């Protein structure tokens, strides 16, 4: 069972336990907690096997989504991915800033920025990966963490981004010491790109907050780049 579904089960069990303890005070029939337990566990099982845990992810995202700081962190994190990918010539195919948006787009409920990664996939399938392609994607993957660090002084997200680098280098049978080196190198490159294009980054954040289309976001970045060149 996926971790998100397990989390939902844990929350459900906690809530049901509380309802059992407090039930007599509110005149709840003893059967209510038992029925609720059966229904919730059944839904969690269905979610895990039928929907690959996406329902649990959406629920947990909605429960945690009330925090404005969390929403802003996600926005700045994903804008970092978007900007750096665009600057490095990697096409963006879409983005979602929460689990429900991703689900409606037919994507994994984790959300995030989606890239055109055909070149990466093709090289990996052949068992080789050029240093240029690897460096570009390492920079893009680390850009979300870097953006959070720049804006907030620390990063709460990005574990999945680090895992992508680790998984690829492991697949290529690279030494484990190279994983940290690539993460650090990608972070440094991403930091330089975001800080040197801060105006474009801030404009992109504002556009993504309004859910501008990918084309509109790319145009906004280009407008900022052009205005910088002209000045």
C-alpha atoms as a PDB file:
ATOM      1  CA  UNK A   1       0.000   0.000   0.000  1.00  0.00           C
ATOM      2  CA  UNK A   2       1.330   3.467  -0.893  1.00  0.00           C
ATOM      3  CA  UNK A   3       2.581   5.741   1.885  1.00  0.00           C
ATOM      4  CA  UNK A   4      -0.160   8.290   1.209  1.00  0.00           C
ATOM      5  CA  UNK A   5      -2.858   5.650   1.690  1.00  0.00           C
ATOM      6  CA  UNK A   6      -1.170   4.492   4.878  1.00  0.00           C
ATOM      7  CA  UNK A   7      -1.181   8.077   6.106  1.00  0.00           C
ATOM      8  CA  UNK A   8      -4.892   8.326   5.381  1.00  0.00           C
ATOM      9  CA  UNK A   9      -5.467   5.095   7.293  1.00  0.00           C
ATOM     10  CA  UNK A  10      -3.483   6.434  10.248  1.00  0.00           C
ATOM     11  CA  UNK A  11      -5.462   9.680  10.270  1.00  0.00           C
ATOM     12  CA  UNK A  12      -8.726   7.742   9.963  1.00  0.00           C
ATOM     13  CA  UNK A  13      -7.860   5.401  12.824  1.00  0.00           C
ATOM     14  CA  UNK A  14      -6.911   8.351  15.009  1.00  0.00           C
ATOM     15  CA  UNK A  15     -10.165  10.161  14.213  1.00  0.00           C
ATOM     16  CA  UNK A  16     -12.207   7.014  14.828  1.00  0.00           C
ATOM     17  CA  UNK A  17     -10.429   6.379  18.135  1.00  0.00           C
ATOM     18  CA  UNK A  18     -11.272   9.891  19.256  1.00  0.00           C
ATOM     19  CA  UNK A  19     -14.895   9.443  18.156  1.00  0.00           C
ATOM     20  CA  UNK A  20     -15.069   6.182  20.123  1.00  0.00           C
ATOM     21  CA  UNK A  21     -13.776   7.858  23.268  1.00  0.00           C
ATOM     22  CA  UNK A  22     -15.960  10.930  22.907  1.00  0.00           C
ATOM     23  CA  UNK A  23     -18.969   9.142  21.422  1.00  0.00           C
ATOM     24  CA  UNK A  24     -20.816   8.639  24.725  1.00  0.00           C
ATOM     25  CA  UNK A  25     -20.542  12.350  25.476  1.00  0.00           C
ATOM     26  CA  UNK A  26     -22.317  13.145  22.204  1.00  0.00           C
ATOM     27  CA  UNK A  27     -24.738  10.175  22.363  1.00  0.00           C
ATOM     28  CA  UNK A  28     -23.213   8.450  19.324  1.00  0.00           C
ATOM     29  CA  UNK A  29     -24.330   4.822  18.871  1.00  0.00           C
ATOM     30  CA  UNK A  30     -21.438   2.345  19.382  1.00  0.00           C
ATOM     31  CA  UNK A  31     -21.917   1.039  15.838  1.00  0.00           C
ATOM     32  CA  UNK A  32     -21.014   4.399  14.245  1.00  0.00           C
ATOM     33  CA  UNK A  33     -17.215   4.157  14.795  1.00  0.00           C
ATOM     34  CA  UNK A  34     -17.209   0.540  13.600  1.00  0.00           C
ATOM     35  CA  UNK A  35     -19.085   1.385  10.395  1.00  0.00           C
ATOM     36  CA  UNK A  36     -16.840   4.395   9.816  1.00  0.00           C
ATOM     37  CA  UNK A  37     -13.755   2.228  10.286  1.00  0.00           C
ATOM     38  CA  UNK A  38     -14.973  -0.324   7.756  1.00  0.00           C
ATOM     39  CA  UNK A  39     -15.832   2.351   5.174  1.00  0.00           C
ATOM     40  CA  UNK A  40     -12.594   4.331   5.539  1.00  0.00           C
ATOM     41  CA  UNK A  41     -10.342   1.293   5.423  1.00  0.00           C
ATOM     42  CA  UNK A  42     -12.252   0.039   2.392  1.00  0.00           C
ATOM     43  CA  UNK A  43     -11.784   3.370   0.634  1.00  0.00           C
ATOM     44  CA  UNK A  44      -8.069   3.407   1.495  1.00  0.00           C
ATOM     45  CA  UNK A  45      -7.656  -0.086   0.031  1.00  0.00           C
ATOM     46  CA  UNK A  46      -9.595   0.856  -3.112  1.00  0.00           C
ATOM     47  CA  UNK A  47      -7.506   4.017  -3.472  1.00  0.00           C
ATOM     48  CA  UNK A  48      -4.257   2.093  -3.168  1.00  0.00           C
ATOM     49  CA  UNK A  49      -5.064  -0.644  -5.693  1.00  0.00           C
ATOM     50  CA  UNK A  50      -7.458   1.110  -8.080  1.00  0.00           C
ATOM     51  CA  UNK A  51      -6.172   4.706  -8.122  1.00  0.00           C
ATOM     52  CA  UNK A  52      -2.515   4.088  -7.133  1.00  0.00           C
ATOM     53  CA  UNK A  53      -2.902   6.154  -3.969  1.00  0.00           C
ATOM     54  CA  UNK A  54      -3.917   9.357  -5.748  1.00  0.00           C
ATOM     55  CA  UNK A  55      -7.049   9.808  -3.666  1.00  0.00           C
ATOM     56  CA  UNK A  56      -4.985   9.730  -0.483  1.00  0.00           C
ATOM     57  CA  UNK A  57      -2.510  12.188  -1.943  1.00  0.00           C
ATOM     58  CA  UNK A  58      -5.307  14.604  -2.864  1.00  0.00           C
ATOM     59  CA  UNK A  59      -6.903  14.296   0.580  1.00  0.00           C
ATOM     60  CA  UNK A  60      -3.635  14.903   2.407  1.00  0.00           C
ATOM     61  CA  UNK A  61      -2.841  17.785   0.087  1.00  0.00           C
ATOM     62  CA  UNK A  62      -6.232  19.381   0.809  1.00  0.00           C
ATOM     63  CA  UNK A  63      -5.770  18.929   4.551  1.00  0.00           C
ATOM     64  CA  UNK A  64      -2.344  20.594   4.417  1.00  0.00           C
ATOM     65  CA  UNK A  65      -3.244  23.134   1.738  1.00  0.00           C
ATOM     66  CA  UNK A  66      -4.786  25.648   4.141  1.00  0.00           C
ATOM     67  CA  UNK A  67      -1.338  27.034   4.930  1.00  0.00           C
ATOM     68  CA  UNK A  68      -0.543  30.029   2.710  1.00  0.00           C
ATOM     69  CA  UNK A  69       3.172  29.582   3.359  1.00  0.00           C
ATOM     70  CA  UNK A  70       3.014  26.010   2.095  1.00  0.00           C
ATOM     71  CA  UNK A  71       1.206  27.081  -1.066  1.00  0.00           C
ATOM     72  CA  UNK A  72       3.725  29.866  -1.612  1.00  0.00           C
ATOM     73  CA  UNK A  73       6.633  27.483  -1.076  1.00  0.00           C
ATOM     74  CA  UNK A  74       5.273  25.103  -3.685  1.00  0.00           C
ATOM     75  CA  UNK A  75       4.743  27.996  -6.094  1.00  0.00           C
ATOM     76  CA  UNK A  76       8.299  29.295  -5.691  1.00  0.00           C
ATOM     77  CA  UNK A  77       9.719  25.766  -5.834  1.00  0.00           C
ATOM     78  CA  UNK A  78       7.974  24.912  -9.102  1.00  0.00           C
ATOM     79  CA  UNK A  79       8.764  28.321 -10.609  1.00  0.00           C
ATOM     80  CA  UNK A  80      12.432  27.523 -10.012  1.00  0.00           C
ATOM     81  CA  UNK A  81      12.096  24.306 -12.024  1.00  0.00           C
ATOM     82  CA  UNK A  82      10.169  26.114 -14.767  1.00  0.00           C
ATOM     83  CA  UNK A  83      12.582  29.037 -15.171  1.00  0.00           C
ATOM     84  CA  UNK A  84      15.770  26.968 -15.208  1.00  0.00           C
ATOM     85  CA  UNK A  85      14.310  24.408 -17.618  1.00  0.00           C
ATOM     86  CA  UNK A  86      13.324  27.199 -20.003  1.00  0.00           C
ATOM     87  CA  UNK A  87      16.737  28.854 -19.754  1.00  0.00           C
ATOM     88  CA  UNK A  88      18.462  25.547 -20.510  1.00  0.00           C
ATOM     89  CA  UNK A  89      16.299  24.836 -23.527  1.00  0.00           C
ATOM     90  CA  UNK A  90      14.196  22.056 -22.015  1.00  0.00           C
ATOM     91  CA  UNK A  91      10.563  22.322 -23.125  1.00  0.00           C
ATOM     92  CA  UNK A  92       7.886  22.473 -20.437  1.00  0.00           C
ATOM     93  CA  UNK A  93       4.733  20.523 -21.243  1.00  0.00           C
ATOM     94  CA  UNK A  94       2.632  21.525 -18.222  1.00  0.00           C
ATOM     95  CA  UNK A  95       2.526  22.218 -14.512  1.00  0.00           C
ATOM     96  CA  UNK A  96       0.268  21.734 -11.497  1.00  0.00           C
ATOM     97  CA  UNK A  97       0.663  23.378  -8.101  1.00  0.00           C
ATOM     98  CA  UNK A  98      -1.379  20.921  -6.075  1.00  0.00           C
ATOM     99  CA  UNK A  99      -2.568  17.333  -6.192  1.00  0.00           C
ATOM    100  CA  UNK A 100      -6.097  18.160  -7.351  1.00  0.00           C
ATOM    101  CA  UNK A 101      -4.839  20.214 -10.318  1.00  0.00           C
ATOM    102  CA  UNK A 102      -2.541  17.357 -11.315  1.00  0.00           C
ATOM    103  CA  UNK A 103      -5.371  14.823 -11.041  1.00  0.00           C
ATOM    104  CA  UNK A 104      -7.662  16.936 -13.240  1.00  0.00           C
ATOM    105  CA  UNK A 105      -4.878  17.085 -15.842  1.00  0.00           C
ATOM    106  CA  UNK A 106      -4.630  13.306 -15.835  1.00  0.00           C
ATOM    107  CA  UNK A 107      -1.208  13.367 -14.200  1.00  0.00           C
ATOM    108  CA  UNK A 108       0.254  11.857 -11.073  1.00  0.00           C
ATOM    109  CA  UNK A 109      -1.380  13.510  -8.080  1.00  0.00           C
ATOM    110  CA  UNK A 110       2.011  14.693  -6.852  1.00  0.00           C
ATOM    111  CA  UNK A 111       1.857  17.652  -9.242  1.00  0.00           C
ATOM    112  CA  UNK A 112       4.847  19.749 -10.292  1.00  0.00           C
ATOM    113  CA  UNK A 113       6.361  20.955 -13.568  1.00  0.00           C
ATOM    114  CA  UNK A 114       6.423  18.478 -16.437  1.00  0.00           C
ATOM    115  CA  UNK A 115       9.296  18.517 -18.927  1.00  0.00           C
ATOM    116  CA  UNK A 116       9.916  17.168 -22.397  1.00  0.00           C
ATOM    117  CA  UNK A 117      12.393  14.443 -21.452  1.00  0.00           C
ATOM    118  CA  UNK A 118      12.471  12.384 -24.645  1.00  0.00           C
ATOM    119  CA  UNK A 119      16.198  12.920 -25.149  1.00  0.00           C
ATOM    120  CA  UNK A 120      16.937  11.866 -21.585  1.00  0.00           C
ATOM    121  CA  UNK A 121      14.752   8.757 -21.814  1.00  0.00           C
ATOM    122  CA  UNK A 122      16.220   7.763 -25.179  1.00  0.00           C
ATOM    123  CA  UNK A 123      19.805   7.938 -23.957  1.00  0.00           C
ATOM    124  CA  UNK A 124      18.989   6.074 -20.757  1.00  0.00           C
ATOM    125  CA  UNK A 125      17.297   3.334 -22.767  1.00  0.00           C
ATOM    126  CA  UNK A 126      20.524   2.897 -24.718  1.00  0.00           C
ATOM    127  CA  UNK A 127      22.484   2.666 -21.480  1.00  0.00           C
ATOM    128  CA  UNK A 128      24.428   5.867 -22.057  1.00  0.00           C
ATOM    129  CA  UNK A 129      23.892   9.462 -21.011  1.00  0.00           C
ATOM    130  CA  UNK A 130      25.964  12.391 -22.247  1.00  0.00           C
ATOM    131  CA  UNK A 131      27.477  14.677 -19.638  1.00  0.00           C
ATOM    132  CA  UNK A 132      25.723  17.651 -21.216  1.00  0.00           C
ATOM    133  CA  UNK A 133      22.241  16.136 -20.883  1.00  0.00           C
ATOM    134  CA  UNK A 134      22.922  14.858 -17.369  1.00  0.00           C
ATOM    135  CA  UNK A 135      24.194  18.260 -16.228  1.00  0.00           C
ATOM    136  CA  UNK A 136      21.192  20.075 -17.692  1.00  0.00           C
ATOM    137  CA  UNK A 137      18.660  17.850 -15.952  1.00  0.00           C
ATOM    138  CA  UNK A 138      20.586  17.829 -12.657  1.00  0.00           C
ATOM    139  CA  UNK A 139      20.444  21.618 -12.722  1.00  0.00           C
ATOM    140  CA  UNK A 140      16.707  21.618 -13.452  1.00  0.00           C
ATOM    141  CA  UNK A 141      15.930  19.040 -10.766  1.00  0.00           C
ATOM    142  CA  UNK A 142      17.851  20.956  -8.105  1.00  0.00           C
ATOM    143  CA  UNK A 143      16.329  24.298  -9.112  1.00  0.00           C
ATOM    144  CA  UNK A 144      13.217  23.875  -6.956  1.00  0.00           C
ATOM    145  CA  UNK A 145      15.234  23.309  -3.789  1.00  0.00           C
ATOM    146  CA  UNK A 146      17.495  26.233  -4.684  1.00  0.00           C
ATOM    147  CA  UNK A 147      14.518  28.543  -5.281  1.00  0.00           C
ATOM    148  CA  UNK A 148      13.119  27.702  -1.838  1.00  0.00           C
ATOM    149  CA  UNK A 149      16.487  28.339  -0.240  1.00  0.00           C
ATOM    150  CA  UNK A 150      16.805  31.717  -1.947  1.00  0.00           C
ATOM    151  CA  UNK A 151      13.329  32.878  -0.929  1.00  0.00           C
ATOM    152  CA  UNK A 152      12.910  31.234   2.489  1.00  0.00           C
ATOM    153  CA  UNK A 153      16.428  30.392   3.624  1.00  0.00           C
ATOM    154  CA  UNK A 154      15.639  26.659   3.661  1.00  0.00           C
ATOM    155  CA  UNK A 155      13.870  24.021   1.581  1.00  0.00           C
ATOM    156  CA  UNK A 156      11.060  21.729   2.733  1.00  0.00           C
ATOM    157  CA  UNK A 157      10.476  20.029  -0.626  1.00  0.00           C
ATOM    158  CA  UNK A 158      12.783  18.397  -3.127  1.00  0.00           C
ATOM    159  CA  UNK A 159      13.316  14.875  -1.796  1.00  0.00           C
ATOM    160  CA  UNK A 160      11.895  13.434  -5.021  1.00  0.00           C
ATOM    161  CA  UNK A 161      14.174  15.694  -7.085  1.00  0.00           C
ATOM    162  CA  UNK A 162      17.257  14.409  -5.288  1.00  0.00           C
ATOM    163  CA  UNK A 163      16.028  10.854  -5.738  1.00  0.00           C
ATOM    164  CA  UNK A 164      15.842  11.311  -9.516  1.00  0.00           C
ATOM    165  CA  UNK A 165      19.542  12.153  -9.666  1.00  0.00           C
ATOM    166  CA  UNK A 166      20.395   9.250  -7.390  1.00  0.00           C
ATOM    167  CA  UNK A 167      18.280   6.801  -9.412  1.00  0.00           C
ATOM    168  CA  UNK A 168      19.807   7.794 -12.756  1.00  0.00           C
ATOM    169  CA  UNK A 169      23.396   7.650 -11.543  1.00  0.00           C
ATOM    170  CA  UNK A 170      22.711   4.288  -9.909  1.00  0.00           C
ATOM    171  CA  UNK A 171      21.196   3.016 -13.160  1.00  0.00           C
ATOM    172  CA  UNK A 172      24.344   4.153 -14.992  1.00  0.00           C
ATOM    173  CA  UNK A 173      26.470   2.350 -12.390  1.00  0.00           C
ATOM    174  CA  UNK A 174      28.227   5.545 -11.387  1.00  0.00           C
ATOM    175  CA  UNK A 175      30.037   5.621  -8.012  1.00  0.00           C
ATOM    176  CA  UNK A 176      27.832   6.677  -5.096  1.00  0.00           C
ATOM    177  CA  UNK A 177      30.179   9.594  -4.368  1.00  0.00           C
ATOM    178  CA  UNK A 178      29.134  11.189  -7.646  1.00  0.00           C
ATOM    179  CA  UNK A 179      25.513  11.571  -6.510  1.00  0.00           C
ATOM    180  CA  UNK A 180      26.282  14.260  -3.940  1.00  0.00           C
ATOM    181  CA  UNK A 181      28.713  15.956  -6.312  1.00  0.00           C
ATOM    182  CA  UNK A 182      26.059  16.195  -9.046  1.00  0.00           C
ATOM    183  CA  UNK A 183      23.461  17.479  -6.596  1.00  0.00           C
ATOM    184  CA  UNK A 184      25.831  20.171  -5.359  1.00  0.00           C
ATOM    185  CA  UNK A 185      26.940  21.080  -8.876  1.00  0.00           C
ATOM    186  CA  UNK A 186      23.343  21.300 -10.085  1.00  0.00           C
ATOM    187  CA  UNK A 187      22.425  23.463  -7.086  1.00  0.00           C
ATOM    188  CA  UNK A 188      25.246  25.902  -7.814  1.00  0.00           C
ATOM    189  CA  UNK A 189      24.303  26.219 -11.485  1.00  0.00           C
ATOM    190  CA  UNK A 190      20.610  26.663 -10.660  1.00  0.00           C
ATOM    191  CA  UNK A 191      21.420  29.317  -8.038  1.00  0.00           C
ATOM    192  CA  UNK A 192      23.446  31.310 -10.554  1.00  0.00           C
ATOM    193  CA  UNK A 193      20.660  31.129 -13.142  1.00  0.00           C
ATOM    194  CA  UNK A 194      17.833  32.119 -10.781  1.00  0.00           C
ATOM    195  CA  UNK A 195      19.738  34.955  -9.134  1.00  0.00           C
ATOM    196  CA  UNK A 196      20.980  36.368 -12.445  1.00  0.00           C
ATOM    197  CA  UNK A 197      17.423  36.272 -13.846  1.00  0.00           C
ATOM    198  CA  UNK A 198      15.584  37.387 -10.721  1.00  0.00           C
ATOM    199  CA  UNK A 199      13.227  39.727 -12.578  1.00  0.00           C
ATOM    200  CA  UNK A 200      12.116  36.921 -14.877  1.00  0.00           C
ATOM    201  CA  UNK A 201      11.739  34.598 -11.878  1.00  0.00           C
ATOM    202  CA  UNK A 202       9.540  37.032  -9.942  1.00  0.00           C
ATOM    203  CA  UNK A 203       7.359  37.661 -12.997  1.00  0.00           C
ATOM    204  CA  UNK A 204       7.049  33.921 -13.553  1.00  0.00           C
ATOM    205  CA  UNK A 205       5.973  33.364  -9.937  1.00  0.00           C
ATOM    206  CA  UNK A 206       3.228  35.965 -10.359  1.00  0.00           C
ATOM    207  CA  UNK A 207       2.085  34.374 -13.627  1.00  0.00           C
ATOM    208  CA  UNK A 208       2.033  30.825 -12.256  1.00  0.00           C
ATOM    209  CA  UNK A 209       0.094  31.978  -9.198  1.00  0.00           C
ATOM    210  CA  UNK A 210      -2.619  33.125 -11.618  1.00  0.00           C
ATOM    211  CA  UNK A 211      -2.334  29.755 -13.421  1.00  0.00           C
ATOM    212  CA  UNK A 212      -1.101  31.272 -16.677  1.00  0.00           C
ATOM    213  CA  UNK A 213      -0.619  28.775 -19.494  1.00  0.00           C
ATOM    214  CA  UNK A 214       2.794  27.323 -20.260  1.00  0.00           C
ATOM    215  CA  UNK A 215       2.998  29.473 -23.401  1.00  0.00           C
ATOM    216  CA  UNK A 216       2.136  32.622 -21.453  1.00  0.00           C
ATOM    217  CA  UNK A 217       4.747  31.785 -18.798  1.00  0.00           C
ATOM    218  CA  UNK A 218       7.430  31.233 -21.442  1.00  0.00           C
ATOM    219  CA  UNK A 219       6.502  34.524 -23.127  1.00  0.00           C
ATOM    220  CA  UNK A 220       6.801  36.354 -19.794  1.00  0.00           C
ATOM    221  CA  UNK A 221      10.280  34.924 -19.253  1.00  0.00           C
ATOM    222  CA  UNK A 222      11.344  35.934 -22.752  1.00  0.00           C
ATOM    223  CA  UNK A 223       9.958  39.449 -22.323  1.00  0.00           C
ATOM    224  CA  UNK A 224      12.048  39.877 -19.194  1.00  0.00           C
ATOM    225  CA  UNK A 225      15.136  38.481 -20.889  1.00  0.00           C
ATOM    226  CA  UNK A 226      14.665  40.812 -23.856  1.00  0.00           C
ATOM    227  CA  UNK A 227      14.131  43.867 -21.652  1.00  0.00           C
ATOM    228  CA  UNK A 228      17.320  43.039 -19.763  1.00  0.00           C
ATOM    229  CA  UNK A 229      19.278  42.825 -23.014  1.00  0.00           C
ATOM    230  CA  UNK A 230      17.803  46.097 -24.289  1.00  0.00           C
ATOM    231  CA  UNK A 231      18.671  47.932 -21.094  1.00  0.00           C
END
